[in-house]
Amino acid sequence: MRTKKLLFLLIILLISNGIAFAIDDSSNQKMKITKRVLSDDEFLELKSKMGAYEEGVNYNVKINGFGTGLIPPKPEQLARMKTEAIMVDNMLFDSEDIPISHDNSATKWFPPIGHQGSEGSCVAWAAGYYNKTFQEAMEHDWDLSACAWENGWTGYPSAAYQDKIFSPDFIYHQINDGVDGGAYYSDAMDLLYGVGCCTWNKMPYSMSDHTSWPSETAWRQAPLYRSGTSHNYVNVTNDTNIGNLKQFLANYNNAIIAIDANYYPSLTSNDLWTSD
């Protein structure tokens, strides 16, 4: 078995006065970071911004028939964050030359835009299908530029590339508590860190199946694709932090953002997403 790989995993949580995102300093990017344990006040502030999970609420709200699925953290997740979360104070890059614009989805490593259908698996799609696929494709120099999403609503990535695209169901079925009610980011990140993830061909996605356990071949493959760390946060509340985020993106890292899907119908191609 290969040794545990050190990959970069990035997550953004939108909060009212800024953005918090988690980074993995075991990335091969040329940077230095300083970090520390979250203070009590920082934890309470983060907790207040993320909201509280309510028993009995299905967080897979359907918007025009499409699934959503991001849930607030549960008490046990907050307890882990309290003891395990790390705050990054500063990031220093070898190059501070930030380009005017940058688009990771235009690279050969980014998978085709897929379709989660009505299932509340958005977290697993963001962390697994998109970000994990991009990370591994970049590390192994897999060219996904000819891969396409086929068959629309109930579709799949091109068959020839399914051994290089990562399975959202491998993640979602292990973190949704057996119900299609959504999931929380930290659970997906913990799974990628502790277990890893299998490719699409080992566990194809199905929006009508929320509970099937991964096969033995999927389990055997997953540890080959573990991430390097979890639960590191940065508050993006000033120009320096925003510059750091831009530099991270320009260094071929992705940001996973949480948005309110109720705004979709009122947006046009002329509109911009903001942290509001």
C-alpha atoms as a PDB file:
ATOM      1  CA  MET A   1       0.000   0.000   0.000  1.00  0.00           C
ATOM      2  CA  ARG A   2       1.212   3.483  -0.755  1.00  0.00           C
ATOM      3  CA  THR A   3       2.100   5.779   2.102  1.00  0.00           C
ATOM      4  CA  LYS A   4      -0.472   8.282   3.240  1.00  0.00           C
ATOM      5  CA  LYS A   5      -0.498  11.128   0.761  1.00  0.00           C
ATOM      6  CA  LEU A   6      -0.220  14.743   1.832  1.00  0.00           C
ATOM      7  CA  LEU A   7      -2.854  16.654  -0.064  1.00  0.00           C
ATOM      8  CA  PHE A   8      -4.339  20.100   0.241  1.00  0.00           C
ATOM      9  CA  LEU A   9      -7.962  20.372   1.321  1.00  0.00           C
ATOM     10  CA  LEU A  10      -9.749  23.710   1.418  1.00  0.00           C
ATOM     11  CA  ILE A  11     -13.204  24.513   2.736  1.00  0.00           C
ATOM     12  CA  ILE A  12     -15.013  27.824   3.047  1.00  0.00           C
ATOM     13  CA  LEU A  13     -17.882  28.522   5.408  1.00  0.00           C
ATOM     14  CA  LEU A  14     -19.731  31.766   4.770  1.00  0.00           C
ATOM     15  CA  ILE A  15     -20.262  33.873   7.884  1.00  0.00           C
ATOM     16  CA  SER A  16     -21.903  37.255   8.202  1.00  0.00           C
ATOM     17  CA  ASN A  17     -18.787  39.339   8.804  1.00  0.00           C
ATOM     18  CA  GLY A  18     -16.297  37.419   6.725  1.00  0.00           C
ATOM     19  CA  ILE A  19     -15.293  33.974   5.548  1.00  0.00           C
ATOM     20  CA  ALA A  20     -13.712  31.114   7.430  1.00  0.00           C
ATOM     21  CA  PHE A  21     -11.945  28.387   5.515  1.00  0.00           C
ATOM     22  CA  ALA A  22      -9.898  25.357   6.430  1.00  0.00           C
ATOM     23  CA  ILE A  23      -6.492  24.620   4.956  1.00  0.00           C
ATOM     24  CA  ASP A  24      -4.019  21.778   4.987  1.00  0.00           C
ATOM     25  CA  ASP A  25      -0.447  22.934   5.531  1.00  0.00           C
ATOM     26  CA  SER A  26       0.848  19.575   4.296  1.00  0.00           C
ATOM     27  CA  SER A  27       0.210  20.787   0.766  1.00  0.00           C
ATOM     28  CA  ASN A  28       3.127  20.870  -1.627  1.00  0.00           C
ATOM     29  CA  GLN A  29       2.453  24.552  -2.279  1.00  0.00           C
ATOM     30  CA  LYS A  30       5.346  26.904  -1.573  1.00  0.00           C
ATOM     31  CA  MET A  31       4.119  28.593   1.577  1.00  0.00           C
ATOM     32  CA  LYS A  32       4.701  28.957   5.276  1.00  0.00           C
ATOM     33  CA  ILE A  33       1.914  29.298   7.795  1.00  0.00           C
ATOM     34  CA  THR A  34       1.658  30.084  11.478  1.00  0.00           C
ATOM     35  CA  LYS A  35      -1.216  28.551  13.421  1.00  0.00           C
ATOM     36  CA  ARG A  36      -2.516  27.968  16.917  1.00  0.00           C
ATOM     37  CA  VAL A  37      -5.403  26.467  18.860  1.00  0.00           C
ATOM     38  CA  LEU A  38      -8.718  28.316  18.606  1.00  0.00           C
ATOM     39  CA  SER A  39      -9.372  30.613  21.534  1.00  0.00           C
ATOM     40  CA  ASP A  40     -12.620  30.250  23.461  1.00  0.00           C
ATOM     41  CA  ASP A  41     -13.918  33.528  22.018  1.00  0.00           C
ATOM     42  CA  GLU A  42     -13.051  32.466  18.453  1.00  0.00           C
ATOM     43  CA  PHE A  43     -14.809  29.159  18.922  1.00  0.00           C
ATOM     44  CA  LEU A  44     -17.943  30.838  20.308  1.00  0.00           C
ATOM     45  CA  GLU A  45     -17.970  33.304  17.422  1.00  0.00           C
ATOM     46  CA  LEU A  46     -17.573  30.529  14.855  1.00  0.00           C
ATOM     47  CA  LYS A  47     -20.303  28.533  16.570  1.00  0.00           C
ATOM     48  CA  SER A  48     -22.698  31.492  16.509  1.00  0.00           C
ATOM     49  CA  LYS A  49     -22.134  32.037  12.781  1.00  0.00           C
ATOM     50  CA  MET A  50     -22.672  28.399  11.797  1.00  0.00           C
ATOM     51  CA  GLY A  51     -25.958  27.942  13.629  1.00  0.00           C
ATOM     52  CA  ALA A  52     -27.179  24.925  15.576  1.00  0.00           C
ATOM     53  CA  TYR A  53     -28.515  21.608  14.322  1.00  0.00           C
ATOM     54  CA  GLU A  54     -32.158  20.882  15.161  1.00  0.00           C
ATOM     55  CA  GLU A  55     -33.345  17.306  15.584  1.00  0.00           C
ATOM     56  CA  GLY A  56     -36.110  16.299  13.203  1.00  0.00           C
ATOM     57  CA  VAL A  57     -35.304  18.943  10.593  1.00  0.00           C
ATOM     58  CA  ASN A  58     -34.550  17.694   7.087  1.00  0.00           C
ATOM     59  CA  TYR A  59     -31.850  19.981   5.748  1.00  0.00           C
ATOM     60  CA  ASN A  60     -32.158  18.626   2.224  1.00  0.00           C
ATOM     61  CA  VAL A  61     -34.484  21.446   1.167  1.00  0.00           C
ATOM     62  CA  LYS A  62     -35.632  20.953  -2.432  1.00  0.00           C
ATOM     63  CA  ILE A  63     -35.275  23.999  -4.697  1.00  0.00           C
ATOM     64  CA  ASN A  64     -37.235  23.460  -7.915  1.00  0.00           C
ATOM     65  CA  GLY A  65     -36.773  19.717  -7.393  1.00  0.00           C
ATOM     66  CA  PHE A  66     -33.014  19.945  -6.872  1.00  0.00           C
ATOM     67  CA  GLY A  67     -31.407  18.782  -3.646  1.00  0.00           C
ATOM     68  CA  THR A  68     -29.342  20.965  -1.287  1.00  0.00           C
ATOM     69  CA  GLY A  69     -28.081  19.407   1.951  1.00  0.00           C
ATOM     70  CA  LEU A  70     -25.698  21.493   4.083  1.00  0.00           C
ATOM     71  CA  ILE A  71     -26.572  21.053   7.771  1.00  0.00           C
ATOM     72  CA  PRO A  72     -25.379  23.066  10.803  1.00  0.00           C
ATOM     73  CA  PRO A  73     -22.918  21.205  13.054  1.00  0.00           C
ATOM     74  CA  LYS A  74     -24.337  18.813  15.641  1.00  0.00           C
ATOM     75  CA  PRO A  75     -23.257  18.956  19.318  1.00  0.00           C
ATOM     76  CA  GLU A  76     -20.708  16.152  18.863  1.00  0.00           C
ATOM     77  CA  GLN A  77     -19.232  17.929  15.831  1.00  0.00           C
ATOM     78  CA  LEU A  78     -18.949  21.170  17.773  1.00  0.00           C
ATOM     79  CA  ALA A  79     -17.255  19.282  20.620  1.00  0.00           C
ATOM     80  CA  ARG A  80     -14.615  17.957  18.218  1.00  0.00           C
ATOM     81  CA  MET A  81     -14.108  21.404  16.733  1.00  0.00           C
ATOM     82  CA  LYS A  82     -13.604  22.835  20.215  1.00  0.00           C
ATOM     83  CA  THR A  83     -10.651  20.514  20.869  1.00  0.00           C
ATOM     84  CA  GLU A  84      -9.281  19.888  17.360  1.00  0.00           C
ATOM     85  CA  ALA A  85      -9.814  23.066  15.335  1.00  0.00           C
ATOM     86  CA  ILE A  86      -6.730  25.150  14.550  1.00  0.00           C
ATOM     87  CA  MET A  87      -6.674  28.848  13.647  1.00  0.00           C
ATOM     88  CA  VAL A  88      -4.179  29.932  10.999  1.00  0.00           C
ATOM     89  CA  ASP A  89      -2.787  33.354  11.849  1.00  0.00           C
ATOM     90  CA  ASN A  90      -0.720  34.030   8.748  1.00  0.00           C
ATOM     91  CA  MET A  91       0.265  32.566   5.383  1.00  0.00           C
ATOM     92  CA  LEU A  92       3.456  33.534   3.566  1.00  0.00           C
ATOM     93  CA  PHE A  93       3.963  32.547  -0.064  1.00  0.00           C
ATOM     94  CA  ASP A  94       7.188  32.391  -2.030  1.00  0.00           C
ATOM     95  CA  SER A  95       5.507  34.598  -4.611  1.00  0.00           C
ATOM     96  CA  GLU A  96       3.083  37.388  -3.777  1.00  0.00           C
ATOM     97  CA  ASP A  97       2.313  38.094  -7.431  1.00  0.00           C
ATOM     98  CA  ILE A  98      -1.454  37.564  -7.562  1.00  0.00           C
ATOM     99  CA  PRO A  99      -2.870  37.351 -11.104  1.00  0.00           C
ATOM    100  CA  ILE A 100      -5.809  39.523 -12.119  1.00  0.00           C
ATOM    101  CA  SER A 101      -7.964  36.409 -12.456  1.00  0.00           C
ATOM    102  CA  HIS A 102      -7.638  32.651 -12.151  1.00  0.00           C
ATOM    103  CA  ASP A 103      -9.960  29.742 -12.999  1.00  0.00           C
ATOM    104  CA  ASN A 104      -9.140  26.240 -11.726  1.00  0.00           C
ATOM    105  CA  SER A 105     -12.127  24.803 -13.589  1.00  0.00           C
ATOM    106  CA  ALA A 106     -10.366  25.669 -16.854  1.00  0.00           C
ATOM    107  CA  THR A 107      -7.431  23.362 -16.047  1.00  0.00           C
ATOM    108  CA  LYS A 108      -7.153  19.789 -17.327  1.00  0.00           C
ATOM    109  CA  TRP A 109      -7.477  18.473 -13.774  1.00  0.00           C
ATOM    110  CA  PHE A 110     -11.006  19.720 -13.052  1.00  0.00           C
ATOM    111  CA  PRO A 111     -13.895  17.246 -13.533  1.00  0.00           C
ATOM    112  CA  PRO A 112     -16.958  18.123 -15.638  1.00  0.00           C
ATOM    113  CA  ILE A 113     -19.788  19.866 -13.812  1.00  0.00           C
ATOM    114  CA  GLY A 114     -22.044  17.086 -12.581  1.00  0.00           C
ATOM    115  CA  HIS A 115     -25.567  16.752 -11.206  1.00  0.00           C
ATOM    116  CA  GLN A 116     -26.504  15.734  -7.649  1.00  0.00           C
ATOM    117  CA  GLY A 117     -30.189  15.541  -8.602  1.00  0.00           C
ATOM    118  CA  SER A 118     -32.646  15.582  -5.710  1.00  0.00           C
ATOM    119  CA  GLU A 119     -30.284  14.039  -3.145  1.00  0.00           C
ATOM    120  CA  GLY A 120     -28.939  16.228  -0.332  1.00  0.00           C
ATOM    121  CA  SER A 121     -25.330  15.336  -1.079  1.00  0.00           C
ATOM    122  CA  CYS A 122     -23.900  18.777  -1.887  1.00  0.00           C
ATOM    123  CA  VAL A 123     -21.148  18.488   0.751  1.00  0.00           C
ATOM    124  CA  ALA A 124     -19.960  15.145  -0.648  1.00  0.00           C
ATOM    125  CA  TRP A 125     -20.023  16.490  -4.194  1.00  0.00           C
ATOM    126  CA  ALA A 126     -18.042  19.590  -3.262  1.00  0.00           C
ATOM    127  CA  ALA A 127     -15.453  17.838  -1.089  1.00  0.00           C
ATOM    128  CA  GLY A 128     -15.241  14.574  -3.051  1.00  0.00           C
ATOM    129  CA  TYR A 129     -16.324  14.810  -6.672  1.00  0.00           C
ATOM    130  CA  TYR A 130     -14.869  18.266  -7.309  1.00  0.00           C
ATOM    131  CA  ASN A 131     -12.090  18.986  -4.829  1.00  0.00           C
ATOM    132  CA  LYS A 132     -10.691  15.476  -4.268  1.00  0.00           C
ATOM    133  CA  THR A 133     -10.817  14.736  -8.005  1.00  0.00           C
ATOM    134  CA  PHE A 134      -8.986  17.978  -8.755  1.00  0.00           C
ATOM    135  CA  GLN A 135      -6.323  17.288  -6.120  1.00  0.00           C
ATOM    136  CA  GLU A 136      -5.609  13.767  -7.279  1.00  0.00           C
ATOM    137  CA  ALA A 137      -5.715  14.646 -10.971  1.00  0.00           C
ATOM    138  CA  MET A 138      -3.191  17.420 -10.379  1.00  0.00           C
ATOM    139  CA  GLU A 139      -0.914  15.187  -8.286  1.00  0.00           C
ATOM    140  CA  HIS A 140      -0.970  12.356 -10.848  1.00  0.00           C
ATOM    141  CA  ASP A 141      -1.251  14.671 -13.870  1.00  0.00           C
ATOM    142  CA  TRP A 142      -4.460  13.005 -15.041  1.00  0.00           C
ATOM    143  CA  ASP A 143      -5.847  14.880 -18.042  1.00  0.00           C
ATOM    144  CA  LEU A 144      -9.638  15.136 -17.574  1.00  0.00           C
ATOM    145  CA  SER A 145     -10.207  17.742 -20.282  1.00  0.00           C
ATOM    146  CA  ALA A 146     -12.024  15.261 -22.559  1.00  0.00           C
ATOM    147  CA  CYS A 147     -14.236  13.945 -19.744  1.00  0.00           C
ATOM    148  CA  ALA A 148     -17.876  14.997 -20.094  1.00  0.00           C
ATOM    149  CA  TRP A 149     -21.011  14.754 -17.979  1.00  0.00           C
ATOM    150  CA  GLU A 150     -23.413  12.482 -19.825  1.00  0.00           C
ATOM    151  CA  ASN A 151     -27.163  11.840 -19.553  1.00  0.00           C
ATOM    152  CA  GLY A 152     -28.191  14.953 -17.609  1.00  0.00           C
ATOM    153  CA  TRP A 153     -30.207  14.592 -14.390  1.00  0.00           C
ATOM    154  CA  THR A 154     -29.411  10.910 -13.867  1.00  0.00           C
ATOM    155  CA  GLY A 155     -26.002  11.115 -15.483  1.00  0.00           C
ATOM    156  CA  TYR A 156     -22.382  10.228 -14.909  1.00  0.00           C
ATOM    157  CA  PRO A 157     -18.893  11.237 -16.051  1.00  0.00           C
ATOM    158  CA  SER A 158     -17.569   9.598 -19.226  1.00  0.00           C
ATOM    159  CA  ALA A 159     -16.938   5.904 -18.596  1.00  0.00           C
ATOM    160  CA  ALA A 160     -13.293   6.114 -19.688  1.00  0.00           C
ATOM    161  CA  TYR A 161     -12.566   8.527 -16.807  1.00  0.00           C
ATOM    162  CA  GLN A 162     -14.559   6.975 -13.961  1.00  0.00           C
ATOM    163  CA  ASP A 163     -11.386   5.495 -12.449  1.00  0.00           C
ATOM    164  CA  LYS A 164     -10.082   9.070 -12.017  1.00  0.00           C
ATOM    165  CA  ILE A 165     -13.273  10.750 -10.745  1.00  0.00           C
ATOM    166  CA  PHE A 166     -14.046  10.433  -7.026  1.00  0.00           C
ATOM    167  CA  SER A 167     -17.327   9.109  -5.659  1.00  0.00           C
ATOM    168  CA  PRO A 168     -19.642  11.462  -3.738  1.00  0.00           C
ATOM    169  CA  ASP A 169     -21.646   8.479  -2.494  1.00  0.00           C
ATOM    170  CA  PHE A 170     -18.628   6.921  -0.770  1.00  0.00           C
ATOM    171  CA  ILE A 171     -18.585  10.043   1.389  1.00  0.00           C
ATOM    172  CA  TYR A 172     -22.292  10.826   1.686  1.00  0.00           C
ATOM    173  CA  HIS A 173     -23.439   7.342   2.706  1.00  0.00           C
ATOM    174  CA  GLN A 174     -21.021   7.361   5.641  1.00  0.00           C
ATOM    175  CA  ILE A 175     -21.853  10.816   7.015  1.00  0.00           C
ATOM    176  CA  ASN A 176     -25.629  11.230   6.537  1.00  0.00           C
ATOM    177  CA  ASP A 177     -26.715   9.042   9.498  1.00  0.00           C
ATOM    178  CA  GLY A 178     -28.703   6.799   7.151  1.00  0.00           C
ATOM    179  CA  VAL A 179     -31.099   9.558   6.049  1.00  0.00           C
ATOM    180  CA  ASP A 180     -31.076  11.764   2.965  1.00  0.00           C
ATOM    181  CA  GLY A 181     -31.093  14.852   5.152  1.00  0.00           C
ATOM    182  CA  GLY A 182     -27.759  16.424   4.252  1.00  0.00           C
ATOM    183  CA  ALA A 183     -24.347  16.487   5.923  1.00  0.00           C
ATOM    184  CA  TYR A 184     -21.809  18.837   7.493  1.00  0.00           C
ATOM    185  CA  TYR A 185     -18.408  19.785   6.038  1.00  0.00           C
ATOM    186  CA  SER A 186     -16.246  18.640   8.940  1.00  0.00           C
ATOM    187  CA  ASP A 187     -17.594  15.086   8.676  1.00  0.00           C
ATOM    188  CA  ALA A 188     -16.612  14.934   5.004  1.00  0.00           C
ATOM    189  CA  MET A 189     -13.166  16.318   5.782  1.00  0.00           C
ATOM    190  CA  ASP A 190     -12.666  13.903   8.677  1.00  0.00           C
ATOM    191  CA  LEU A 191     -13.601  10.995   6.418  1.00  0.00           C
ATOM    192  CA  LEU A 192     -11.194  12.096   3.682  1.00  0.00           C
ATOM    193  CA  TYR A 193      -8.471  12.462   6.307  1.00  0.00           C
ATOM    194  CA  GLY A 194      -9.039   9.225   8.220  1.00  0.00           C
ATOM    195  CA  VAL A 195     -10.406   6.897   5.534  1.00  0.00           C
ATOM    196  CA  GLY A 196      -9.912   8.462   2.101  1.00  0.00           C
ATOM    197  CA  CYS A 197     -12.219   8.088  -0.886  1.00  0.00           C
ATOM    198  CA  CYS A 198     -12.764   5.634  -3.729  1.00  0.00           C
ATOM    199  CA  THR A 199     -13.280   6.455  -7.387  1.00  0.00           C
ATOM    200  CA  TRP A 200     -16.610   6.613  -9.198  1.00  0.00           C
ATOM    201  CA  ASN A 201     -16.202   3.213 -10.887  1.00  0.00           C
ATOM    202  CA  LYS A 202     -15.872   1.555  -7.466  1.00  0.00           C
ATOM    203  CA  MET A 203     -19.057   3.216  -6.152  1.00  0.00           C
ATOM    204  CA  PRO A 204     -21.201   4.928  -8.815  1.00  0.00           C
ATOM    205  CA  TYR A 205     -23.492   7.726  -7.653  1.00  0.00           C
ATOM    206  CA  SER A 206     -27.241   7.190  -7.301  1.00  0.00           C
ATOM    207  CA  MET A 207     -29.582   9.933  -6.103  1.00  0.00           C
ATOM    208  CA  SER A 208     -32.146   7.255  -5.103  1.00  0.00           C
ATOM    209  CA  ASP A 209     -29.762   5.342  -2.809  1.00  0.00           C
ATOM    210  CA  HIS A 210     -28.624   7.061   0.372  1.00  0.00           C
ATOM    211  CA  THR A 211     -27.453   4.162   2.542  1.00  0.00           C
ATOM    212  CA  SER A 212     -25.662   1.368   0.620  1.00  0.00           C
ATOM    213  CA  TRP A 213     -22.315   0.571   2.220  1.00  0.00           C
ATOM    214  CA  PRO A 214     -19.173   0.716   0.052  1.00  0.00           C
ATOM    215  CA  SER A 215     -17.948  -2.572  -1.381  1.00  0.00           C
ATOM    216  CA  GLU A 216     -14.745  -4.271  -0.246  1.00  0.00           C
ATOM    217  CA  THR A 217     -12.959  -3.046  -3.391  1.00  0.00           C
ATOM    218  CA  ALA A 218     -14.060   0.518  -2.622  1.00  0.00           C
ATOM    219  CA  TRP A 219     -12.787   0.221   0.958  1.00  0.00           C
ATOM    220  CA  ARG A 220      -9.464  -1.188  -0.206  1.00  0.00           C
ATOM    221  CA  GLN A 221      -8.948   1.649  -2.657  1.00  0.00           C
ATOM    222  CA  ALA A 222      -9.986   4.543  -0.399  1.00  0.00           C
ATOM    223  CA  PRO A 223      -6.857   4.632   1.848  1.00  0.00           C
ATOM    224  CA  LEU A 224      -4.708   5.270  -1.231  1.00  0.00           C
ATOM    225  CA  TYR A 225      -6.397   8.663  -1.500  1.00  0.00           C
ATOM    226  CA  ARG A 226      -6.378  10.082   2.004  1.00  0.00           C
ATOM    227  CA  SER A 227      -6.034  13.783   2.680  1.00  0.00           C
ATOM    228  CA  GLY A 228      -3.324  15.146   4.926  1.00  0.00           C
ATOM    229  CA  THR A 229      -5.144  17.047   7.684  1.00  0.00           C
ATOM    230  CA  SER A 230      -8.449  18.524   8.850  1.00  0.00           C
ATOM    231  CA  HIS A 231      -9.983  21.323  10.929  1.00  0.00           C
ATOM    232  CA  ASN A 232      -7.756  24.319  10.214  1.00  0.00           C
ATOM    233  CA  TYR A 233      -9.523  27.674   9.882  1.00  0.00           C
ATOM    234  CA  VAL A 234      -8.779  31.176   8.646  1.00  0.00           C
ATOM    235  CA  ASN A 235     -11.030  34.190   9.148  1.00  0.00           C
ATOM    236  CA  VAL A 236     -11.137  36.254   5.973  1.00  0.00           C
ATOM    237  CA  THR A 237     -12.011  39.670   7.342  1.00  0.00           C
ATOM    238  CA  ASN A 238      -9.393  42.035   5.904  1.00  0.00           C
ATOM    239  CA  ASP A 239      -7.408  42.780   2.741  1.00  0.00           C
ATOM    240  CA  THR A 240      -4.461  40.613   3.792  1.00  0.00           C
ATOM    241  CA  ASN A 241      -6.682  37.566   4.316  1.00  0.00           C
ATOM    242  CA  ILE A 242      -8.438  38.167   0.999  1.00  0.00           C
ATOM    243  CA  GLY A 243      -5.064  38.389  -0.725  1.00  0.00           C
ATOM    244  CA  ASN A 244      -4.054  35.084   0.878  1.00  0.00           C
ATOM    245  CA  LEU A 245      -7.231  33.440  -0.390  1.00  0.00           C
ATOM    246  CA  LYS A 246      -6.613  34.748  -3.899  1.00  0.00           C
ATOM    247  CA  GLN A 247      -3.045  33.464  -3.804  1.00  0.00           C
ATOM    248  CA  PHE A 248      -4.268  30.055  -2.652  1.00  0.00           C
ATOM    249  CA  LEU A 249      -6.646  29.862  -5.599  1.00  0.00           C
ATOM    250  CA  ALA A 250      -3.930  30.996  -7.984  1.00  0.00           C
ATOM    251  CA  ASN A 251      -1.681  28.223  -6.606  1.00  0.00           C
ATOM    252  CA  TYR A 252      -4.188  25.627  -7.860  1.00  0.00           C
ATOM    253  CA  ASN A 253      -6.261  25.087  -4.744  1.00  0.00           C
ATOM    254  CA  ASN A 254     -10.056  25.173  -4.631  1.00  0.00           C
ATOM    255  CA  ALA A 255     -12.497  26.880  -2.283  1.00  0.00           C
ATOM    256  CA  ILE A 256     -15.716  25.121  -1.299  1.00  0.00           C
ATOM    257  CA  ILE A 257     -18.407  27.694  -0.584  1.00  0.00           C
ATOM    258  CA  ALA A 258     -21.819  27.483   1.069  1.00  0.00           C
ATOM    259  CA  ILE A 259     -24.579  29.485  -0.586  1.00  0.00           C
ATOM    260  CA  ASP A 260     -28.344  29.921  -0.247  1.00  0.00           C
ATOM    261  CA  ALA A 261     -29.896  28.106  -3.218  1.00  0.00           C
ATOM    262  CA  ASN A 262     -33.127  30.084  -2.793  1.00  0.00           C
ATOM    263  CA  TYR A 263     -31.360  32.930  -4.608  1.00  0.00           C
ATOM    264  CA  TYR A 264     -30.800  30.921  -7.805  1.00  0.00           C
ATOM    265  CA  PRO A 265     -34.052  31.899  -9.572  1.00  0.00           C
ATOM    266  CA  SER A 266     -33.396  35.633  -9.165  1.00  0.00           C
ATOM    267  CA  LEU A 267     -29.774  35.627 -10.392  1.00  0.00           C
ATOM    268  CA  THR A 268     -28.610  36.360 -13.895  1.00  0.00           C
ATOM    269  CA  SER A 269     -25.231  36.107 -15.641  1.00  0.00           C
ATOM    270  CA  ASN A 270     -24.651  39.771 -14.726  1.00  0.00           C
ATOM    271  CA  ASP A 271     -24.857  39.134 -10.968  1.00  0.00           C
ATOM    272  CA  LEU A 272     -21.974  38.461  -8.585  1.00  0.00           C
ATOM    273  CA  TRP A 273     -21.786  36.123  -5.575  1.00  0.00           C
ATOM    274  CA  THR A 274     -20.707  37.839  -2.357  1.00  0.00           C
ATOM    275  CA  SER A 275     -20.310  36.725   1.258  1.00  0.00           C
ATOM    276  CA  ASP A 276     -23.734  38.284   1.947  1.00  0.00           C
END
